[in-house]
PDB file of N, CA and C in Angstrom:
ATOM      1  N   UNK A   1      65.425   2.864  70.807  1.00  0.00           N
ATOM      2  CA  UNK A   1      64.665   1.701  70.720  1.00  0.00           C
ATOM      3  C   UNK A   1      63.621   1.593  72.171  1.00  0.00           C
ATOM      4  N   UNK A   2      62.556   1.152  71.591  1.00  0.00           N
ATOM      5  CA  UNK A   2      61.659   0.720  72.701  1.00  0.00           C
ATOM      6  C   UNK A   2      61.850  -0.350  73.636  1.00  0.00           C
ATOM      7  N   UNK A   3      61.081  -0.355  74.892  1.00  0.00           N
ATOM      8  CA  UNK A   3      61.289  -1.359  75.812  1.00  0.00           C
ATOM      9  C   UNK A   3      60.884  -2.839  75.070  1.00  0.00           C
ATOM     10  N   UNK A   4      60.033  -2.971  74.336  1.00  0.00           N
ATOM     11  CA  UNK A   4      59.582  -4.206  74.141  1.00  0.00           C
ATOM     12  C   UNK A   4      60.669  -4.449  73.138  1.00  0.00           C
ATOM     13  N   UNK A   5      61.605  -3.539  72.045  1.00  0.00           N
ATOM     14  CA  UNK A   5      62.554  -4.207  71.198  1.00  0.00           C
ATOM     15  C   UNK A   5      63.812  -4.215  72.060  1.00  0.00           C
ATOM     16  N   UNK A   6      64.165  -3.570  73.223  1.00  0.00           N
ATOM     17  CA  UNK A   6      65.112  -3.539  74.277  1.00  0.00           C
ATOM     18  C   UNK A   6      64.895  -5.060  74.567  1.00  0.00           C
ATOM     19  N   UNK A   7      63.879  -5.362  74.968  1.00  0.00           N
ATOM     20  CA  UNK A   7      63.669  -7.050  75.787  1.00  0.00           C
ATOM     21  C   UNK A   7      63.810  -7.980  74.896  1.00  0.00           C
ATOM     22  N   UNK A   8      63.555  -7.744  73.629  1.00  0.00           N
ATOM     23  CA  UNK A   8      63.138  -8.914  72.731  1.00  0.00           C
ATOM     24  C   UNK A   8      65.011  -9.043  72.111  1.00  0.00           C
ATOM     25  N   UNK A   9      65.631  -8.180  71.941  1.00  0.00           N
ATOM     26  CA  UNK A   9      67.119  -7.976  71.758  1.00  0.00           C
ATOM     27  C   UNK A   9      67.791  -8.503  72.618  1.00  0.00           C
ATOM     28  N   UNK A  10      67.741  -8.324  73.841  1.00  0.00           N
ATOM     29  CA  UNK A  10      68.196  -9.013  75.259  1.00  0.00           C
ATOM     30  C   UNK A  10      68.022 -10.410  75.020  1.00  0.00           C
ATOM     31  N   UNK A  11      66.572 -11.211  75.153  1.00  0.00           N
ATOM     32  CA  UNK A  11      66.547 -12.484  74.706  1.00  0.00           C
ATOM     33  C   UNK A  11      67.594 -13.122  73.892  1.00  0.00           C
ATOM     34  N   UNK A  12      67.526 -12.418  72.660  1.00  0.00           N
ATOM     35  CA  UNK A  12      68.052 -12.997  71.679  1.00  0.00           C
ATOM     36  C   UNK A  12      70.026 -13.050  71.734  1.00  0.00           C
ATOM     37  N   UNK A  13      70.222 -12.114  72.600  1.00  0.00           N
ATOM     38  CA  UNK A  13      71.594 -12.010  72.978  1.00  0.00           C
ATOM     39  C   UNK A  13      72.131 -13.111  74.272  1.00  0.00           C
ATOM     40  N   UNK A  14      71.079 -13.194  74.798  1.00  0.00           N
ATOM     41  CA  UNK A  14      71.146 -14.150  76.079  1.00  0.00           C
ATOM     42  C   UNK A  14      71.157 -15.442  75.404  1.00  0.00           C
ATOM     43  N   UNK A  15      70.035 -15.792  74.479  1.00  0.00           N
ATOM     44  CA  UNK A  15      70.476 -17.045  73.933  1.00  0.00           C
ATOM     45  C   UNK A  15      71.429 -17.507  73.221  1.00  0.00           C
ATOM     46  N   UNK A  16      72.217 -16.465  72.553  1.00  0.00           N
ATOM     47  CA  UNK A  16      73.614 -16.859  71.626  1.00  0.00           C
ATOM     48  C   UNK A  16      74.383 -16.876  72.865  1.00  0.00           C
ATOM     49  N   UNK A  17      74.618 -16.345  73.880  1.00  0.00           N
ATOM     50  CA  UNK A  17      75.554 -16.651  75.089  1.00  0.00           C
ATOM     51  C   UNK A  17      74.848 -18.037  75.555  1.00  0.00           C
ATOM     52  N   UNK A  18      74.100 -18.434  75.956  1.00  0.00           N
ATOM     53  CA  UNK A  18      73.560 -19.751  76.653  1.00  0.00           C
ATOM     54  C   UNK A  18      74.528 -20.553  75.751  1.00  0.00           C
ATOM     55  N   UNK A  19      73.850 -20.684  74.442  1.00  0.00           N
ATOM     56  CA  UNK A  19      74.308 -21.608  73.183  1.00  0.00           C
ATOM     57  C   UNK A  19      75.986 -21.847  73.629  1.00  0.00           C
ATOM     58  N   UNK A  20      76.360 -20.733  73.164  1.00  0.00           N
ATOM     59  CA  UNK A  20      77.846 -20.629  73.132  1.00  0.00           C
ATOM     60  C   UNK A  20      78.421 -21.549  74.388  1.00  0.00           C
ATOM     61  N   UNK A  21      77.455 -21.123  75.465  1.00  0.00           N
ATOM     62  CA  UNK A  21      78.230 -21.951  76.805  1.00  0.00           C
ATOM     63  C   UNK A  21      77.896 -23.522  76.812  1.00  0.00           C
ATOM     64  N   UNK A  22      77.495 -23.939  75.803  1.00  0.00           N
ATOM     65  CA  UNK A  22      76.916 -25.277  75.653  1.00  0.00           C
ATOM     66  C   UNK A  22      75.681 -25.646  76.010  1.00  0.00           C
ATOM     67  N   UNK A  23      74.681 -24.819  76.330  1.00  0.00           N
ATOM     68  CA  UNK A  23      72.979 -24.918  76.479  1.00  0.00           C
ATOM     69  C   UNK A  23      72.551 -25.111  75.447  1.00  0.00           C
ATOM     70  N   UNK A  24      71.298 -25.970  75.249  1.00  0.00           N
ATOM     71  CA  UNK A  24      70.518 -26.240  74.162  1.00  0.00           C
ATOM     72  C   UNK A  24      69.482 -25.573  74.452  1.00  0.00           C
ATOM     73  N   UNK A  25      68.642 -24.804  73.823  1.00  0.00           N
ATOM     74  CA  UNK A  25      67.211 -23.971  73.935  1.00  0.00           C
ATOM     75  C   UNK A  25      65.961 -25.304  74.163  1.00  0.00           C
ATOM     76  N   UNK A  26      65.202 -25.279  74.821  1.00  0.00           N
ATOM     77  CA  UNK A  26      64.184 -26.051  74.617  1.00  0.00           C
ATOM     78  C   UNK A  26      63.015 -25.637  74.473  1.00  0.00           C
ATOM     79  N   UNK A  27      62.295 -24.408  75.124  1.00  0.00           N
ATOM     80  CA  UNK A  27      61.571 -23.822  74.555  1.00  0.00           C
ATOM     81  C   UNK A  27      61.705 -22.031  74.950  1.00  0.00           C
ATOM     82  N   UNK A  28      60.923 -21.169  74.560  1.00  0.00           N
ATOM     83  CA  UNK A  28      61.216 -19.748  74.817  1.00  0.00           C
ATOM     84  C   UNK A  28      59.811 -18.970  74.540  1.00  0.00           C
ATOM     85  N   UNK A  29      59.849 -18.170  75.621  1.00  0.00           N
ATOM     86  CA  UNK A  29      58.529 -17.578  76.229  1.00  0.00           C
ATOM     87  C   UNK A  29      57.363 -18.420  76.573  1.00  0.00           C
ATOM     88  N   UNK A  30      57.827 -19.682  77.403  1.00  0.00           N
ATOM     89  CA  UNK A  30      56.950 -20.749  78.256  1.00  0.00           C
ATOM     90  C   UNK A  30      55.967 -20.132  78.891  1.00  0.00           C
ATOM     91  N   UNK A  31      54.360 -19.852  78.394  1.00  0.00           N
ATOM     92  CA  UNK A  31      53.500 -19.342  79.223  1.00  0.00           C
ATOM     93  C   UNK A  31      52.932 -20.719  80.168  1.00  0.00           C
ATOM     94  N   UNK A  32      52.523 -20.152  81.352  1.00  0.00           N
ATOM     95  CA  UNK A  32      51.900 -21.019  82.224  1.00  0.00           C
ATOM     96  C   UNK A  32      50.584 -20.134  82.879  1.00  0.00           C
ATOM     97  N   UNK A  33      50.046 -21.313  83.607  1.00  0.00           N
ATOM     98  CA  UNK A  33      49.252 -20.008  84.449  1.00  0.00           C
ATOM     99  C   UNK A  33      49.122 -19.302  85.335  1.00  0.00           C
ATOM    100  N   UNK A  34      50.509 -19.833  85.689  1.00  0.00           N
ATOM    101  CA  UNK A  34      50.953 -18.781  86.890  1.00  0.00           C
ATOM    102  C   UNK A  34      51.829 -17.474  86.304  1.00  0.00           C
ATOM    103  N   UNK A  35      52.451 -17.908  84.958  1.00  0.00           N
ATOM    104  CA  UNK A  35      53.324 -16.769  84.600  1.00  0.00           C
ATOM    105  C   UNK A  35      54.204 -17.142  83.276  1.00  0.00           C
ATOM    106  N   UNK A  36      55.011 -16.687  83.203  1.00  0.00           N
ATOM    107  CA  UNK A  36      56.082 -16.980  82.082  1.00  0.00           C
ATOM    108  C   UNK A  36      57.394 -16.865  82.199  1.00  0.00           C
ATOM    109  N   UNK A  37      58.018 -18.386  81.585  1.00  0.00           N
ATOM    110  CA  UNK A  37      59.523 -18.634  81.721  1.00  0.00           C
ATOM    111  C   UNK A  37      59.974 -17.905  80.350  1.00  0.00           C
ATOM    112  N   UNK A  38      61.061 -17.309  80.480  1.00  0.00           N
ATOM    113  CA  UNK A  38      61.745 -16.645  79.082  1.00  0.00           C
ATOM    114  C   UNK A  38      62.189 -17.934  78.329  1.00  0.00           C
ATOM    115  N   UNK A  39      63.348 -18.368  79.201  1.00  0.00           N
ATOM    116  CA  UNK A  39      63.960 -19.507  78.179  1.00  0.00           C
ATOM    117  C   UNK A  39      64.005 -20.944  79.112  1.00  0.00           C
ATOM    118  N   UNK A  40      63.570 -21.746  78.695  1.00  0.00           N
ATOM    119  CA  UNK A  40      63.839 -23.290  79.182  1.00  0.00           C
ATOM    120  C   UNK A  40      64.764 -24.029  77.922  1.00  0.00           C
ATOM    121  N   UNK A  41      66.055 -24.025  79.299  1.00  0.00           N
ATOM    122  CA  UNK A  41      67.196 -24.834  78.107  1.00  0.00           C
ATOM    123  C   UNK A  41      67.425 -26.061  78.814  1.00  0.00           C
ATOM    124  N   UNK A  42      68.601 -26.728  78.343  1.00  0.00           N
ATOM    125  CA  UNK A  42      69.075 -28.029  79.032  1.00  0.00           C
ATOM    126  C   UNK A  42      70.478 -27.905  78.770  1.00  0.00           C
ATOM    127  N   UNK A  43      71.176 -28.538  79.832  1.00  0.00           N
ATOM    128  CA  UNK A  43      72.482 -28.659  79.655  1.00  0.00           C
ATOM    129  C   UNK A  43      72.815 -30.270  80.315  1.00  0.00           C
ATOM    130  N   UNK A  44      74.323 -30.513  80.603  1.00  0.00           N
ATOM    131  CA  UNK A  44      74.379 -31.935  80.791  1.00  0.00           C
ATOM    132  C   UNK A  44      74.146 -32.425  82.354  1.00  0.00           C
ATOM    133  N   UNK A  45      73.867 -31.168  82.764  1.00  0.00           N
ATOM    134  CA  UNK A  45      73.128 -30.879  84.194  1.00  0.00           C
ATOM    135  C   UNK A  45      71.982 -31.197  84.569  1.00  0.00           C
ATOM    136  N   UNK A  46      71.225 -31.233  83.705  1.00  0.00           N
ATOM    137  CA  UNK A  46      69.921 -30.826  83.524  1.00  0.00           C
ATOM    138  C   UNK A  46      69.230 -29.882  83.001  1.00  0.00           C
ATOM    139  N   UNK A  47      67.622 -29.325  83.342  1.00  0.00           N
ATOM    140  CA  UNK A  47      67.326 -28.418  82.789  1.00  0.00           C
ATOM    141  C   UNK A  47      67.865 -27.116  83.410  1.00  0.00           C
ATOM    142  N   UNK A  48      67.334 -25.990  82.842  1.00  0.00           N
ATOM    143  CA  UNK A  48      67.999 -24.334  83.030  1.00  0.00           C
ATOM    144  C   UNK A  48      66.880 -23.661  82.603  1.00  0.00           C
ATOM    145  N   UNK A  49      66.027 -22.930  83.846  1.00  0.00           N
ATOM    146  CA  UNK A  49      65.159 -22.102  83.453  1.00  0.00           C
ATOM    147  C   UNK A  49      65.941 -20.544  83.663  1.00  0.00           C
ATOM    148  N   UNK A  50      65.579 -19.702  82.609  1.00  0.00           N
ATOM    149  CA  UNK A  50      66.410 -18.682  82.524  1.00  0.00           C
ATOM    150  C   UNK A  50      65.441 -17.310  82.546  1.00  0.00           C
ATOM    151  N   UNK A  51      65.632 -16.212  83.301  1.00  0.00           N
ATOM    152  CA  UNK A  51      64.878 -15.488  83.261  1.00  0.00           C
ATOM    153  C   UNK A  51      65.730 -13.974  82.868  1.00  0.00           C
ATOM    154  N   UNK A  52      65.569 -13.361  81.780  1.00  0.00           N
ATOM    155  CA  UNK A  52      66.044 -12.608  80.969  1.00  0.00           C
ATOM    156  C   UNK A  52      65.836 -11.032  81.789  1.00  0.00           C
ATOM    157  N   UNK A  53      66.830 -10.176  81.950  1.00  0.00           N
ATOM    158  CA  UNK A  53      66.711  -8.672  82.246  1.00  0.00           C
ATOM    159  C   UNK A  53      67.779  -8.211  81.395  1.00  0.00           C
ATOM    160  N   UNK A  54      66.963  -7.100  80.658  1.00  0.00           N
ATOM    161  CA  UNK A  54      68.101  -6.241  79.730  1.00  0.00           C
ATOM    162  C   UNK A  54      67.588  -4.951  80.706  1.00  0.00           C
ATOM    163  N   UNK A  55      68.597  -4.123  80.801  1.00  0.00           N
ATOM    164  CA  UNK A  55      68.472  -2.594  80.951  1.00  0.00           C
ATOM    165  C   UNK A  55      69.582  -2.019  80.260  1.00  0.00           C
ATOM    166  N   UNK A  56      69.548  -0.553  80.227  1.00  0.00           N
ATOM    167  CA  UNK A  56      70.142   0.263  79.299  1.00  0.00           C
ATOM    168  C   UNK A  56      71.704   0.774  80.389  1.00  0.00           C
ATOM    169  N   UNK A  57      72.782   0.949  79.944  1.00  0.00           N
ATOM    170  CA  UNK A  57      73.952   1.322  80.393  1.00  0.00           C
ATOM    171  C   UNK A  57      73.471   2.609  81.300  1.00  0.00           C
ATOM    172  N   UNK A  58      73.552   2.915  82.745  1.00  0.00           N
ATOM    173  CA  UNK A  58      73.319   3.690  83.303  1.00  0.00           C
ATOM    174  C   UNK A  58      71.597   3.692  83.712  1.00  0.00           C
ATOM    175  N   UNK A  59      70.746   2.886  83.428  1.00  0.00           N
ATOM    176  CA  UNK A  59      69.800   2.615  84.199  1.00  0.00           C
ATOM    177  C   UNK A  59      69.330   2.944  86.099  1.00  0.00           C
ATOM    178  N   UNK A  60      68.655   3.256  86.481  1.00  0.00           N
ATOM    179  CA  UNK A  60      68.115   3.213  87.743  1.00  0.00           C
ATOM    180  C   UNK A  60      68.639   2.141  88.339  1.00  0.00           C
ATOM    181  N   UNK A  61      67.977   1.024  87.796  1.00  0.00           N
ATOM    182  CA  UNK A  61      68.055  -0.115  88.701  1.00  0.00           C
ATOM    183  C   UNK A  61      68.715  -1.269  87.450  1.00  0.00           C
ATOM    184  N   UNK A  62      69.716  -1.787  88.275  1.00  0.00           N
ATOM    185  CA  UNK A  62      71.057  -2.734  86.929  1.00  0.00           C
ATOM    186  C   UNK A  62      69.848  -4.181  87.000  1.00  0.00           C
ATOM    187  N   UNK A  63      70.627  -4.805  85.795  1.00  0.00           N
ATOM    188  CA  UNK A  63      69.816  -5.796  85.252  1.00  0.00           C
ATOM    189  C   UNK A  63      69.834  -6.957  86.082  1.00  0.00           C
ATOM    190  N   UNK A  64      70.611  -7.198  86.946  1.00  0.00           N
ATOM    191  CA  UNK A  64      71.091  -8.264  87.812  1.00  0.00           C
ATOM    192  C   UNK A  64      70.051  -7.916  89.372  1.00  0.00           C
ATOM    193  N   UNK A  65      70.002  -6.794  89.306  1.00  0.00           N
ATOM    194  CA  UNK A  65      69.257  -6.373  90.806  1.00  0.00           C
ATOM    195  C   UNK A  65      67.642  -6.059  90.538  1.00  0.00           C
ATOM    196  N   UNK A  66      67.223  -6.183  88.958  1.00  0.00           N
ATOM    197  CA  UNK A  66      65.791  -6.272  88.935  1.00  0.00           C
ATOM    198  C   UNK A  66      64.967  -8.022  89.670  1.00  0.00           C
ATOM    199  N   UNK A  67      65.933  -8.886  89.633  1.00  0.00           N
ATOM    200  CA  UNK A  67      65.365  -9.828  90.202  1.00  0.00           C
ATOM    201  C   UNK A  67      64.980 -10.325  91.856  1.00  0.00           C
ATOM    202  N   UNK A  68      64.093  -9.858  92.223  1.00  0.00           N
ATOM    203  CA  UNK A  68      64.389  -9.690  93.631  1.00  0.00           C
ATOM    204  C   UNK A  68      64.059 -10.855  94.046  1.00  0.00           C
ATOM    205  N   UNK A  69      63.647 -11.375  95.824  1.00  0.00           N
ATOM    206  CA  UNK A  69      63.237 -12.772  96.400  1.00  0.00           C
ATOM    207  C   UNK A  69      61.966 -12.980  95.833  1.00  0.00           C
ATOM    208  N   UNK A  70      60.953 -12.158  95.823  1.00  0.00           N
ATOM    209  CA  UNK A  70      59.681 -12.768  95.404  1.00  0.00           C
ATOM    210  C   UNK A  70      59.701 -13.250  94.209  1.00  0.00           C
ATOM    211  N   UNK A  71      60.454 -12.249  93.201  1.00  0.00           N
ATOM    212  CA  UNK A  71      60.439 -12.769  91.549  1.00  0.00           C
ATOM    213  C   UNK A  71      61.067 -14.245  91.365  1.00  0.00           C
ATOM    214  N   UNK A  72      62.401 -14.488  92.196  1.00  0.00           N
ATOM    215  CA  UNK A  72      63.221 -15.612  92.297  1.00  0.00           C
ATOM    216  C   UNK A  72      62.075 -16.823  93.049  1.00  0.00           C
ATOM    217  N   UNK A  73      61.372 -16.681  94.021  1.00  0.00           N
ATOM    218  CA  UNK A  73      60.578 -17.545  94.358  1.00  0.00           C
ATOM    219  C   UNK A  73      59.508 -17.965  93.431  1.00  0.00           C
ATOM    220  N   UNK A  74      59.146 -16.878  92.485  1.00  0.00           N
ATOM    221  CA  UNK A  74      58.035 -17.258  91.488  1.00  0.00           C
ATOM    222  C   UNK A  74      58.890 -18.132  90.115  1.00  0.00           C
ATOM    223  N   UNK A  75      59.882 -18.106  90.251  1.00  0.00           N
ATOM    224  CA  UNK A  75      60.430 -18.404  89.122  1.00  0.00           C
ATOM    225  C   UNK A  75      60.837 -20.154  89.383  1.00  0.00           C
ATOM    226  N   UNK A  76      61.185 -20.305  90.412  1.00  0.00           N
ATOM    227  CA  UNK A  76      61.522 -21.458  91.222  1.00  0.00           C
ATOM    228  C   UNK A  76      59.670 -22.152  90.917  1.00  0.00           C
ATOM    229  N   UNK A  77      58.801 -21.474  91.348  1.00  0.00           N
ATOM    230  CA  UNK A  77      57.948 -22.442  91.232  1.00  0.00           C
ATOM    231  C   UNK A  77      57.553 -22.666  89.476  1.00  0.00           C
ATOM    232  N   UNK A  78      57.455 -21.849  89.254  1.00  0.00           N
ATOM    233  CA  UNK A  78      57.131 -21.714  87.455  1.00  0.00           C
ATOM    234  C   UNK A  78      58.347 -22.918  86.712  1.00  0.00           C
ATOM    235  N   UNK A  79      59.340 -22.808  87.369  1.00  0.00           N
ATOM    236  CA  UNK A  79      60.035 -24.235  86.898  1.00  0.00           C
ATOM    237  C   UNK A  79      59.638 -25.445  87.170  1.00  0.00           C
ATOM    238  N   UNK A  80      59.325 -25.665  88.684  1.00  0.00           N
ATOM    239  CA  UNK A  80      58.878 -26.849  89.385  1.00  0.00           C
ATOM    240  C   UNK A  80      57.563 -27.245  88.802  1.00  0.00           C
ATOM    241  N   UNK A  81      56.577 -26.192  88.183  1.00  0.00           N
ATOM    242  CA  UNK A  81      55.381 -26.421  87.584  1.00  0.00           C
ATOM    243  C   UNK A  81      55.432 -27.417  86.078  1.00  0.00           C
ATOM    244  N   UNK A  82      56.461 -26.284  85.739  1.00  0.00           N
ATOM    245  CA  UNK A  82      56.788 -26.707  84.317  1.00  0.00           C
ATOM    246  C   UNK A  82      57.098 -28.008  84.145  1.00  0.00           C
ATOM    247  N   UNK A  83      58.160 -28.659  85.097  1.00  0.00           N
ATOM    248  CA  UNK A  83      58.628 -29.825  85.079  1.00  0.00           C
ATOM    249  C   UNK A  83      57.308 -30.632  85.408  1.00  0.00           C
ATOM    250  N   UNK A  84      56.738 -30.935  86.244  1.00  0.00           N
ATOM    251  CA  UNK A  84      55.625 -31.789  86.401  1.00  0.00           C
ATOM    252  C   UNK A  84      54.500 -31.632  85.524  1.00  0.00           C
ATOM    253  N   UNK A  85      54.442 -30.646  85.162  1.00  0.00           N
ATOM    254  CA  UNK A  85      53.118 -30.829  83.769  1.00  0.00           C
ATOM    255  C   UNK A  85      53.981 -31.691  82.479  1.00  0.00           C
ATOM    256  N   UNK A  86      55.041 -31.917  82.792  1.00  0.00           N
ATOM    257  CA  UNK A  86      55.832 -33.193  81.919  1.00  0.00           C
ATOM    258  C   UNK A  86      56.548 -34.087  82.200  1.00  0.00           C
ATOM    259  N   UNK A  87      56.401 -34.502  83.660  1.00  0.00           N
ATOM    260  CA  UNK A  87      56.334 -35.926  84.094  1.00  0.00           C
ATOM    261  C   UNK A  87      57.886 -36.032  84.310  1.00  0.00           C
ATOM    262  N   UNK A  88      58.507 -34.996  84.544  1.00  0.00           N
ATOM    263  CA  UNK A  88      59.939 -34.278  84.870  1.00  0.00           C
ATOM    264  C   UNK A  88      60.288 -33.966  86.516  1.00  0.00           C
ATOM    265  N   UNK A  89      59.460 -34.453  87.026  1.00  0.00           N
ATOM    266  CA  UNK A  89      59.336 -33.763  88.665  1.00  0.00           C
ATOM    267  C   UNK A  89      60.568 -34.155  89.185  1.00  0.00           C
ATOM    268  N   UNK A  90      61.393 -35.510  88.858  1.00  0.00           N
ATOM    269  CA  UNK A  90      62.409 -35.260  89.562  1.00  0.00           C
ATOM    270  C   UNK A  90      63.697 -35.167  88.763  1.00  0.00           C
ATOM    271  N   UNK A  91      63.620 -34.539  87.579  1.00  0.00           N
ATOM    272  CA  UNK A  91      64.991 -34.212  86.664  1.00  0.00           C
ATOM    273  C   UNK A  91      65.491 -32.889  87.279  1.00  0.00           C
ATOM    274  N   UNK A  92      66.965 -33.078  87.343  1.00  0.00           N
ATOM    275  CA  UNK A  92      67.835 -32.043  87.912  1.00  0.00           C
ATOM    276  C   UNK A  92      67.356 -30.579  87.213  1.00  0.00           C
ATOM    277  N   UNK A  93      67.508 -29.532  87.509  1.00  0.00           N
ATOM    278  CA  UNK A  93      67.344 -28.197  87.125  1.00  0.00           C
ATOM    279  C   UNK A  93      67.534 -26.892  88.386  1.00  0.00           C
ATOM    280  N   UNK A  94      67.667 -26.007  87.727  1.00  0.00           N
ATOM    281  CA  UNK A  94      68.540 -24.722  88.264  1.00  0.00           C
ATOM    282  C   UNK A  94      67.538 -23.474  87.661  1.00  0.00           C
ATOM    283  N   UNK A  95      67.742 -22.355  88.282  1.00  0.00           N
ATOM    284  CA  UNK A  95      67.304 -21.030  87.682  1.00  0.00           C
ATOM    285  C   UNK A  95      68.608 -20.040  87.247  1.00  0.00           C
ATOM    286  N   UNK A  96      68.535 -19.577  86.556  1.00  0.00           N
ATOM    287  CA  UNK A  96      69.529 -18.797  86.070  1.00  0.00           C
ATOM    288  C   UNK A  96      68.876 -17.306  85.393  1.00  0.00           C
ATOM    289  N   UNK A  97      69.568 -16.382  86.004  1.00  0.00           N
ATOM    290  CA  UNK A  97      69.422 -14.901  85.785  1.00  0.00           C
ATOM    291  C   UNK A  97      70.258 -14.483  84.617  1.00  0.00           C
ATOM    292  N   UNK A  98      69.724 -14.340  83.542  1.00  0.00           N
ATOM    293  CA  UNK A  98      70.472 -13.675  82.439  1.00  0.00           C
ATOM    294  C   UNK A  98      70.574 -12.007  82.214  1.00  0.00           C
ATOM    295  N   UNK A  99      71.431 -11.331  82.924  1.00  0.00           N
ATOM    296  CA  UNK A  99      71.337  -9.546  83.267  1.00  0.00           C
ATOM    297  C   UNK A  99      72.172  -9.149  82.292  1.00  0.00           C
ATOM    298  N   UNK A 100      71.490  -8.502  81.116  1.00  0.00           N
ATOM    299  CA  UNK A 100      72.030  -7.743  79.966  1.00  0.00           C
ATOM    300  C   UNK A 100      72.511  -6.302  80.055  1.00  0.00           C
ATOM    301  N   UNK A 101      73.340  -5.627  79.711  1.00  0.00           N
ATOM    302  CA  UNK A 101      73.603  -4.147  79.905  1.00  0.00           C
ATOM    303  C   UNK A 101      73.829  -3.653  78.479  1.00  0.00           C
ATOM    304  N   UNK A 102      73.127  -2.917  77.971  1.00  0.00           N
ATOM    305  CA  UNK A 102      73.092  -2.082  76.504  1.00  0.00           C
ATOM    306  C   UNK A 102      73.495  -1.128  76.848  1.00  0.00           C
ATOM    307  N   UNK A 103      74.900  -0.876  76.534  1.00  0.00           N
ATOM    308  CA  UNK A 103      75.503   0.220  75.821  1.00  0.00           C
ATOM    309  C   UNK A 103      76.059   0.642  74.864  1.00  0.00           C
ATOM    310  N   UNK A 104      76.660   1.538  74.369  1.00  0.00           N
ATOM    311  CA  UNK A 104      76.821   2.427  73.356  1.00  0.00           C
ATOM    312  C   UNK A 104      78.120   1.413  72.810  1.00  0.00           C
ATOM    313  N   UNK A 105      78.695   0.738  73.435  1.00  0.00           N
ATOM    314  CA  UNK A 105      79.969  -0.352  73.179  1.00  0.00           C
ATOM    315  C   UNK A 105      79.675  -1.639  72.763  1.00  0.00           C
ATOM    316  N   UNK A 106      78.087  -2.003  72.931  1.00  0.00           N
ATOM    317  CA  UNK A 106      77.878  -2.811  72.969  1.00  0.00           C
ATOM    318  C   UNK A 106      76.913  -3.694  73.916  1.00  0.00           C
ATOM    319  N   UNK A 107      76.385  -4.962  74.203  1.00  0.00           N
ATOM    320  CA  UNK A 107      75.749  -5.667  74.959  1.00  0.00           C
ATOM    321  C   UNK A 107      76.771  -6.603  75.896  1.00  0.00           C
ATOM    322  N   UNK A 108      76.597  -6.154  77.372  1.00  0.00           N
ATOM    323  CA  UNK A 108      77.055  -7.875  78.268  1.00  0.00           C
ATOM    324  C   UNK A 108      76.142  -8.183  78.867  1.00  0.00           C
ATOM    325  N   UNK A 109      76.569  -9.462  78.727  1.00  0.00           N
ATOM    326  CA  UNK A 109      75.534 -10.367  79.545  1.00  0.00           C
ATOM    327  C   UNK A 109      76.225 -11.298  80.667  1.00  0.00           C
ATOM    328  N   UNK A 110      75.355 -11.212  82.056  1.00  0.00           N
ATOM    329  CA  UNK A 110      76.146 -12.149  82.746  1.00  0.00           C
ATOM    330  C   UNK A 110      75.097 -13.051  83.419  1.00  0.00           C
ATOM    331  N   UNK A 111      75.421 -14.111  83.594  1.00  0.00           N
ATOM    332  CA  UNK A 111      74.496 -15.398  83.803  1.00  0.00           C
ATOM    333  C   UNK A 111      75.029 -15.907  85.384  1.00  0.00           C
ATOM    334  N   UNK A 112      73.966 -15.464  86.253  1.00  0.00           N
ATOM    335  CA  UNK A 112      74.242 -15.719  87.424  1.00  0.00           C
ATOM    336  C   UNK A 112      73.157 -16.930  88.154  1.00  0.00           C
ATOM    337  N   UNK A 113      73.756 -17.630  88.785  1.00  0.00           N
ATOM    338  CA  UNK A 113      73.113 -18.797  89.033  1.00  0.00           C
ATOM    339  C   UNK A 113      72.300 -18.413  90.505  1.00  0.00           C
ATOM    340  N   UNK A 114      70.752 -18.727  90.539  1.00  0.00           N
ATOM    341  CA  UNK A 114      70.159 -18.460  91.178  1.00  0.00           C
ATOM    342  C   UNK A 114      69.620 -19.313  92.345  1.00  0.00           C
ATOM    343  N   UNK A 115      69.295 -20.552  91.866  1.00  0.00           N
ATOM    344  CA  UNK A 115      68.833 -21.702  92.581  1.00  0.00           C
ATOM    345  C   UNK A 115      68.322 -22.995  91.784  1.00  0.00           C
ATOM    346  N   UNK A 116      67.358 -23.596  92.457  1.00  0.00           N
ATOM    347  CA  UNK A 116      66.565 -23.473  93.403  1.00  0.00           C
ATOM    348  C   UNK A 116      67.179 -23.591  94.883  1.00  0.00           C
TER     349      UNK A 116
END
């Protein structure tokens, strides 16, 4: 499986897990002039901006470790900007990293609360 196919499969697996946990998908691959938000979701607590990271089992950098402080800051700015563009500046929201590890026995999905 090439990188693009792995990433797409990861996004679909993340979506399924998020829906299973009661979130509603609002937008996918939402592009802004500052970058892209993988998934925008909503639950009873507000908006959820999701960064999906998919890695193969045994890869050098684990999926959860692939989002550093700088990337997290960028995600926070993207989320705030997305809400401001829609007149939802005061809406409650948070950032979640969906860390997926794909191995021979299947895909493991971890959802890590990341801010703001």
